[in-house]
Amino acid sequence: MRGMRQRTALDLGMAGAEIEQRRTRWSAGGVQVSPVLWADDRTHLAVRFGSAGWTVHLTAEVHHSGWAHLHVVSQAEAVRETRRVGSIEAFLAFLDDVVAGAARVSLRPAQLLAATCTTGWLDWIHGELWLLPDHLVRIRGGLLATMVTGFNGPELAAPDTHRTLAYDPDAIRSAHRTNKVLPLAEIAQARLHGGLTTSGMTLRMADGARHKLLWMSTEPARRVLSDRLPPLLGPRLTH
C-alpha cells in the first residue's frame, strides 16, 4: 500500500554462511555448535548451542521476515523469547551475545507483581516487577507502552501470573540503568506503603544502596509482597 514501507527479506543464505564461519570461534570457547539447520522451504534456519558448563541448551532461529526466536531449555523447563532483527548483522550480533551470556543464564520461576513499576517519581517509563525465589527484579519497559497506558489506561499484571524466566542478572542490569536485580538476602531494611493511586516499596541494601519502587495501587504487588516477604525478611520489613 502507498505510504507503507516494505520490509526487505533477510538473506538467509548469507546468514548461514556467516554462522558457519563463526562456528570455529564459538567452538574454540568450549561451545558445542550444530551445523546450520534449514527448514524444508528454506524460509528459516536454526542453530543449536550447548556446553558442559551451562545449565541450559539454546536454539536460535531466524525467519526471512526478520523474526528471531531463542529457545532456552533446561532439564525441567523451556522458554521461548522472540524479537525482531532488522538485518543479518543484527541477528549475528544477537547470536554472539547469546553465546557470550549463556553460562550466566538459568531458568527461574517468577511471579509478575506489577506492569507499571517505576523507580521513582521522576521515572516515567513503566516496567515489570518480578518476584523470584531469592530476588526482586525490575525490568524497564518502553516509552511507547507507557504512552499507550496514558491514553488507554494501564495494562496491569494479572493476579497470580507465574512464568519461567530465562534469568541473566548481568544482562538485566546492563540493559538499562533503571533495571534492578535486588537479592532478598542483602536487603537490610524494606518498607511497603500503599496509597489511593500509587503504592510502593523503599529498600536499603546491606551495602548502603537505596532503591525505590512504585506501582499503581490496583496492581497485585503490595498484596503479594505483604504475604511473601515477612517470612523471608522478618523484622527487616515494615508494612
Protein backbone atom coordinates (compact mmCIF):
# COMPACT_ATOMS: atom_id res chain seq x y z
CA MET A 1 0.00 0.00 0.00
CA ARG A 2 1.12 3.55 -0.76
CA GLY A 3 2.84 5.21 2.18
CA MET A 4 3.75 1.94 3.88
CA ARG A 5 7.37 0.84 4.00
CA GLN A 6 8.17 -2.62 2.71
CA ARG A 7 10.49 -4.69 4.89
CA THR A 8 13.30 -6.34 2.95
CA ALA A 9 13.50 -10.11 3.45
CA LEU A 10 16.68 -11.26 5.16
CA ASP A 11 19.24 -13.07 3.02
CA LEU A 12 19.33 -16.35 4.93
CA GLY A 13 21.95 -17.81 2.61
CA MET A 14 24.34 -15.11 3.78
CA ALA A 15 23.28 -15.70 7.39
CA GLY A 16 24.02 -19.41 7.09
CA ALA A 17 27.44 -18.75 5.59
CA GLU A 18 28.32 -16.27 8.35
CA ILE A 19 27.21 -18.71 11.05
CA GLU A 20 29.44 -21.43 9.59
CA GLN A 21 32.38 -19.01 9.69
CA ARG A 22 31.68 -18.23 13.35
CA ARG A 23 31.38 -21.89 14.39
CA THR A 24 35.13 -22.25 14.76
CA ARG A 25 35.37 -19.24 17.07
CA TRP A 26 32.41 -20.33 19.18
CA SER A 27 33.71 -23.91 19.38
CA ALA A 28 37.13 -22.69 20.48
CA GLY A 29 35.46 -21.33 23.60
CA GLY A 30 34.16 -24.77 24.54
CA VAL A 31 30.72 -24.31 22.99
CA GLN A 32 29.12 -27.15 21.06
CA VAL A 33 27.57 -25.69 17.92
CA SER A 34 25.33 -27.56 15.49
CA PRO A 35 25.54 -27.17 11.73
CA VAL A 36 23.02 -24.73 10.30
CA LEU A 37 19.60 -26.40 10.31
CA TRP A 38 17.33 -25.44 7.41
CA ALA A 39 13.57 -25.65 7.07
CA ASP A 40 12.42 -27.63 4.04
CA ASP A 41 11.15 -24.48 2.34
CA ARG A 42 14.34 -22.53 3.25
CA THR A 43 12.26 -19.76 4.86
CA HIS A 44 14.05 -20.06 8.19
CA LEU A 45 17.16 -21.55 9.73
CA ALA A 46 18.28 -22.55 13.19
CA VAL A 47 21.47 -23.27 15.10
CA ARG A 48 21.86 -25.06 18.44
CA PHE A 49 24.32 -24.30 21.23
CA GLY A 50 25.37 -26.21 24.33
CA SER A 51 28.27 -26.56 26.72
CA ALA A 52 29.21 -28.79 29.64
CA GLY A 53 29.35 -25.73 31.90
CA TRP A 54 25.89 -24.42 31.04
CA THR A 55 22.65 -25.21 32.85
CA VAL A 56 20.64 -24.71 29.64
CA HIS A 57 20.74 -25.58 25.94
CA LEU A 58 19.89 -22.94 23.35
CA THR A 59 18.36 -22.98 19.90
CA ALA A 60 18.28 -19.75 17.90
CA GLU A 61 16.03 -19.43 14.86
CA VAL A 62 15.57 -16.66 12.31
CA HIS A 63 12.87 -16.31 9.64
CA HIS A 64 13.44 -14.44 6.40
CA SER A 65 10.77 -11.96 7.56
CA GLY A 66 13.15 -10.78 10.29
CA TRP A 67 11.66 -12.52 13.34
CA ALA A 68 14.13 -14.33 15.58
CA HIS A 69 13.31 -16.84 18.31
CA LEU A 70 15.54 -18.06 21.12
CA HIS A 71 14.56 -21.34 22.80
CA VAL A 72 16.14 -21.83 26.24
CA VAL A 73 15.79 -25.40 27.53
CA SER A 74 16.82 -26.99 30.82
CA GLN A 75 16.11 -30.47 32.11
CA ALA A 76 12.74 -29.40 33.51
CA GLU A 77 11.70 -26.17 31.76
CA ALA A 78 11.67 -24.43 28.39
CA VAL A 79 11.26 -20.76 27.48
CA ARG A 80 10.93 -19.03 24.09
CA GLU A 81 11.88 -15.39 23.57
CA THR A 82 11.04 -13.51 20.37
CA ARG A 83 12.47 -10.34 18.88
CA ARG A 84 12.68 -8.62 15.52
CA VAL A 85 16.10 -8.29 13.90
CA GLY A 86 16.40 -5.80 11.09
CA SER A 87 19.46 -7.21 9.37
CA ILE A 88 21.76 -10.21 9.14
CA GLU A 89 24.34 -8.23 11.11
CA ALA A 90 21.82 -7.68 13.92
CA PHE A 91 20.99 -11.40 14.05
CA LEU A 92 24.68 -12.37 14.15
CA ALA A 93 25.31 -9.85 16.92
CA PHE A 94 22.36 -11.39 18.75
CA LEU A 95 23.96 -14.85 18.41
CA ASP A 96 27.29 -13.54 19.71
CA ASP A 97 25.52 -12.08 22.76
CA VAL A 98 23.63 -15.34 23.32
CA VAL A 99 26.80 -17.41 23.28
CA ALA A 100 28.71 -14.93 25.46
CA GLY A 101 25.99 -14.82 28.12
CA ALA A 102 24.72 -18.41 28.09
CA ALA A 103 26.88 -19.52 31.02
CA ARG A 104 25.07 -16.97 33.21
CA VAL A 105 21.55 -17.99 32.18
CA SER A 106 19.30 -20.13 34.34
CA LEU A 107 15.58 -20.81 34.13
CA ARG A 108 13.89 -19.46 37.24
CA PRO A 109 10.27 -19.48 38.41
CA ALA A 110 8.92 -15.95 38.84
CA GLN A 111 5.69 -14.14 39.68
CA LEU A 112 4.73 -10.90 37.96
CA LEU A 113 3.87 -8.33 40.63
CA ALA A 114 3.34 -5.19 38.55
CA ALA A 115 3.47 -3.99 34.96
CA THR A 116 3.50 -0.28 35.89
CA CYS A 117 6.61 -0.28 38.09
CA THR A 118 8.88 2.78 38.07
CA THR A 119 11.96 3.59 40.14
CA GLY A 120 10.82 6.96 41.48
CA TRP A 121 8.64 9.98 40.85
CA LEU A 122 10.97 11.26 38.10
CA ASP A 123 10.99 7.93 36.25
CA TRP A 124 8.06 7.99 33.83
CA ILE A 125 8.75 4.73 31.99
CA HIS A 126 6.83 1.74 33.24
CA GLY A 127 8.45 -1.64 33.72
CA GLU A 128 7.70 -5.08 35.09
CA LEU A 129 8.37 -6.07 38.69
CA TRP A 130 9.03 -9.79 39.24
CA LEU A 131 9.44 -11.81 42.41
CA LEU A 132 11.88 -14.71 42.11
CA PRO A 133 12.60 -17.15 44.94
CA ASP A 134 15.55 -15.05 46.13
CA HIS A 135 15.42 -11.78 44.17
CA LEU A 136 13.23 -8.84 43.27
CA VAL A 137 13.75 -7.89 39.62
CA ARG A 138 12.55 -4.75 37.87
CA ILE A 139 12.83 -4.69 34.06
CA ARG A 140 12.20 -1.44 32.23
CA GLY A 141 9.56 -1.38 29.51
CA GLY A 142 9.36 1.06 26.63
CA LEU A 143 8.20 4.62 26.05
CA LEU A 144 5.52 3.53 23.58
CA ALA A 145 3.91 1.14 26.05
CA THR A 146 3.90 3.86 28.71
CA MET A 147 2.29 6.33 26.30
CA VAL A 148 -0.39 3.78 25.39
CA THR A 149 -1.06 3.37 29.11
CA GLY A 150 -1.54 7.13 29.37
CA PHE A 151 -4.12 7.18 26.58
CA ASN A 152 -5.93 3.88 27.14
CA GLY A 153 -5.37 3.15 30.81
CA PRO A 154 -2.83 0.76 32.29
CA GLU A 155 -2.42 -2.87 31.40
CA LEU A 156 -1.99 -4.27 34.89
CA ALA A 157 -0.37 -7.50 35.97
CA ALA A 158 -2.97 -10.24 36.15
CA PRO A 159 -3.34 -11.82 39.60
CA ASP A 160 -1.20 -14.91 40.11
CA THR A 161 0.77 -14.54 36.88
CA HIS A 162 3.59 -17.08 37.12
CA ARG A 163 6.21 -17.63 34.45
CA THR A 164 9.58 -19.22 33.94
CA LEU A 165 12.20 -16.59 33.12
CA ALA A 166 15.50 -17.02 31.30
CA TYR A 167 17.34 -15.24 34.08
CA ASP A 168 20.63 -13.44 33.43
CA PRO A 169 21.21 -10.83 36.16
CA ASP A 170 24.21 -9.22 34.45
CA ALA A 171 22.27 -8.75 31.21
CA ILE A 172 19.31 -7.27 33.09
CA ARG A 173 21.49 -4.76 34.93
CA SER A 174 23.42 -3.71 31.83
CA ALA A 175 20.33 -3.31 29.63
CA HIS A 176 19.29 -0.06 31.37
CA ARG A 177 20.35 1.91 34.43
CA THR A 178 16.84 1.74 35.93
CA ASN A 179 16.72 -2.06 35.84
CA LYS A 180 17.04 -3.64 39.27
CA VAL A 181 18.26 -7.03 40.50
CA LEU A 182 17.83 -6.98 44.28
CA PRO A 183 18.86 -10.07 46.30
CA LEU A 184 16.42 -10.57 49.17
CA ALA A 185 19.24 -11.77 51.43
CA GLU A 186 21.00 -8.41 51.01
CA ILE A 187 18.02 -6.24 52.00
CA ALA A 188 18.88 -4.52 55.29
CA GLN A 189 15.56 -2.68 55.60
CA ALA A 190 12.39 -2.52 53.50
CA ARG A 191 9.13 -0.64 53.84
CA LEU A 192 5.93 -1.30 51.93
CA HIS A 193 3.47 1.55 51.64
CA GLY A 194 0.09 1.97 49.99
CA GLY A 195 -1.81 4.94 48.64
CA LEU A 196 -5.03 5.71 46.85
CA THR A 197 -3.44 5.64 43.38
CA THR A 198 0.21 4.70 43.94
CA SER A 199 1.86 2.16 46.20
CA GLY A 200 5.48 1.19 46.51
CA MET A 201 8.46 -0.05 48.39
CA THR A 202 11.65 1.58 49.65
CA LEU A 203 14.71 -0.54 50.29
CA ARG A 204 18.11 -0.10 51.90
CA MET A 205 20.62 -2.77 50.97
CA ALA A 206 23.43 -4.19 53.09
CA ASP A 207 25.98 -2.12 51.12
CA GLY A 208 24.06 1.09 51.87
CA ALA A 209 22.46 1.46 48.43
CA ARG A 210 18.87 2.72 48.46
CA HIS A 211 16.13 1.88 45.98
CA LYS A 212 12.56 2.98 45.41
CA LEU A 213 9.92 1.01 43.52
CA LEU A 214 6.50 2.47 42.71
CA TRP A 215 3.46 0.94 41.02
CA MET A 216 -0.24 1.62 40.60
CA SER A 217 -2.23 0.61 43.68
CA THR A 218 -4.52 -1.61 41.61
CA GLU A 219 -1.56 -3.92 40.88
CA PRO A 220 -1.20 -7.14 42.95
CA ALA A 221 2.32 -6.22 44.09
CA ARG A 222 1.62 -4.91 47.60
CA ARG A 223 -0.76 -7.76 48.45
CA VAL A 224 1.70 -10.42 47.26
CA LEU A 225 4.74 -8.85 48.89
CA SER A 226 2.88 -8.36 52.19
CA ASP A 227 2.23 -12.08 52.18
CA ARG A 228 5.52 -13.42 50.80
CA LEU A 229 8.18 -11.17 52.32
CA PRO A 230 7.58 -11.36 56.11
CA PRO A 231 8.83 -14.97 56.41
CA LEU A 232 11.89 -14.04 54.33
CA LEU A 233 12.78 -10.63 55.79
CA GLY A 234 11.35 -10.81 59.32
CA PRO A 235 11.93 -7.57 61.27
CA ARG A 236 13.75 -6.04 58.31
CA LEU A 237 10.32 -5.39 56.73
CA THR A 238 7.72 -2.83 57.83
CA HIS A 239 4.33 -2.51 56.18
